[in-house]
Amino acid sequence: MVIIMNNNFNIGKRIHELRLEHGLSQEQLALQSEITPTYLGQIERNLKNPTVHIVEKICSSMNVSLADFFSPATEIKEIDLLSKQILSQITNRTDDEKKIILNIIKQIFQLYDFTK
């Protein structure tokens, strides 16, 4: 069994998603978090990196724990041995190579019905 952790966590995107889920405008969330709307907008667009203290304030104003805030980054998936072998073949490839591989896989699935 292998555990994969997603290291591509986007703080700004996560704050934006949570803000919308809570039905808050940037101004409302900024006011509740005691930061400026401009600063919140910059965080959401990944132009500024907030401190842990600021993230705590933002989370607190939406009643979201830090654990819940970061849970998408630590989402754990179990994969079988064969999937691990496939993954190990592409892990160290460039993004361009991965895109080519993905396109090839998609074409294979289109050409061959694996449900037989």
Protein backbone atom coordinates (compact mmCIF):
# COMPACT_ATOMS: atom_id res chain seq x y z
CA MET A 1 0.00 0.00 0.00
CA VAL A 2 1.26 3.48 -0.91
CA ILE A 3 0.10 6.82 0.46
CA ILE A 4 0.22 9.85 -1.83
CA MET A 5 0.04 13.36 -0.47
CA ASN A 6 -0.81 16.36 -2.61
CA ASN A 7 1.89 18.99 -2.17
CA ASN A 8 0.36 21.49 -4.57
CA PHE A 9 -1.75 23.30 -1.98
CA ASN A 10 -2.90 26.76 -3.04
CA ILE A 11 -3.71 28.91 0.01
CA GLY A 12 -5.27 31.74 -1.99
CA LYS A 13 -7.52 29.43 -3.95
CA ARG A 14 -8.58 27.61 -0.76
CA ILE A 15 -9.49 30.89 0.96
CA HIS A 16 -11.43 31.98 -2.12
CA GLU A 17 -13.34 28.66 -2.25
CA LEU A 18 -14.20 28.79 1.45
CA ARG A 19 -15.25 32.43 1.24
CA LEU A 20 -17.67 31.63 -1.58
CA GLU A 21 -18.96 28.53 0.24
CA HIS A 22 -19.74 30.78 3.21
CA GLY A 23 -21.45 33.34 0.98
CA LEU A 24 -19.08 36.13 1.95
CA SER A 25 -17.74 38.99 -0.14
CA GLN A 26 -14.07 39.90 0.09
CA GLU A 27 -15.06 42.98 2.05
CA GLN A 28 -17.10 40.98 4.56
CA LEU A 29 -14.40 38.38 5.13
CA ALA A 30 -11.68 41.02 5.35
CA LEU A 31 -13.67 42.97 7.95
CA GLN A 32 -14.32 39.85 10.01
CA SER A 33 -10.65 38.85 9.74
CA GLU A 34 -9.39 42.34 10.61
CA ILE A 35 -7.44 42.75 7.37
CA THR A 36 -7.99 45.03 4.39
CA PRO A 37 -10.06 43.87 1.41
CA THR A 38 -7.09 44.74 -0.82
CA TYR A 39 -4.80 42.44 1.16
CA LEU A 40 -7.38 39.62 1.08
CA GLY A 41 -7.71 40.02 -2.68
CA GLN A 42 -3.94 39.82 -3.06
CA ILE A 43 -3.88 36.66 -0.94
CA GLU A 44 -6.65 35.06 -3.01
CA ARG A 45 -4.79 35.89 -6.24
CA ASN A 46 -1.54 34.53 -4.75
CA LEU A 47 0.16 37.91 -4.98
CA LYS A 48 0.82 37.92 -1.22
CA ASN A 49 1.72 35.07 1.11
CA PRO A 50 -0.16 35.37 4.39
CA THR A 51 1.40 34.51 7.72
CA VAL A 52 0.04 31.61 9.73
CA HIS A 53 -1.50 34.19 12.06
CA ILE A 54 -3.44 35.77 9.17
CA VAL A 55 -4.60 32.37 7.92
CA GLU A 56 -5.77 31.58 11.47
CA LYS A 57 -7.74 34.84 11.60
CA ILE A 58 -9.34 34.17 8.22
CA CYS A 59 -10.22 30.60 9.19
CA SER A 60 -11.55 31.67 12.57
CA SER A 61 -13.86 34.23 10.99
CA MET A 62 -15.41 31.42 8.91
CA ASN A 63 -15.42 28.91 11.79
CA VAL A 64 -12.99 26.66 9.91
CA SER A 65 -10.22 24.87 11.79
CA LEU A 66 -6.70 24.96 10.41
CA ALA A 67 -6.89 21.18 10.05
CA ASP A 68 -10.00 21.50 7.88
CA PHE A 69 -8.45 24.38 5.96
CA PHE A 70 -5.40 22.34 5.03
CA SER A 71 -7.22 19.01 4.60
CA PRO A 72 -7.20 19.12 0.77
CA ALA A 73 -3.41 19.37 0.93
CA THR A 74 -3.17 16.26 3.04
CA GLU A 75 -5.83 14.21 1.32
CA ILE A 76 -4.59 10.66 1.48
CA LYS A 77 -5.32 8.09 -1.17
CA GLU A 78 -4.43 4.44 -1.08
CA ILE A 79 -3.39 2.92 -4.37
CA ASP A 80 -2.75 -0.65 -5.41
CA LEU A 81 0.65 -2.03 -6.43
CA LEU A 82 -0.01 -1.86 -10.18
CA SER A 83 -1.07 1.79 -9.93
CA LYS A 84 2.10 2.44 -7.93
CA GLN A 85 4.18 0.93 -10.71
CA ILE A 86 2.47 3.09 -13.31
CA LEU A 87 2.94 6.18 -11.16
CA SER A 88 6.61 5.43 -10.57
CA GLN A 89 7.18 5.45 -14.33
CA ILE A 90 5.94 9.03 -14.73
CA THR A 91 6.86 10.69 -11.43
CA ASN A 92 10.19 12.14 -12.57
CA ARG A 93 9.02 13.18 -16.02
CA THR A 94 8.63 16.79 -17.10
CA ASP A 95 5.17 18.35 -17.27
CA ASP A 96 5.33 18.25 -21.07
CA GLU A 97 6.17 14.54 -21.01
CA LYS A 98 3.34 13.90 -18.55
CA LYS A 99 0.89 15.68 -20.86
CA ILE A 100 2.00 13.51 -23.78
CA ILE A 101 1.66 10.36 -21.67
CA LEU A 102 -1.82 11.43 -20.53
CA ASN A 103 -2.90 12.03 -24.13
CA ILE A 104 -1.60 8.59 -25.14
CA ILE A 105 -3.48 6.95 -22.27
CA LYS A 106 -6.67 8.77 -23.26
CA GLN A 107 -6.27 7.57 -26.86
CA ILE A 108 -5.76 4.00 -25.69
CA PHE A 109 -8.98 4.17 -23.65
CA GLN A 110 -10.83 5.57 -26.66
CA LEU A 111 -9.56 2.79 -28.94
CA TYR A 112 -9.91 -0.16 -26.62
CA ASP A 113 -12.85 -1.13 -24.46
CA PHE A 114 -11.31 -2.33 -21.19
CA THR A 115 -14.63 -3.63 -19.89
CA LYS A 116 -14.40 -6.88 -21.94
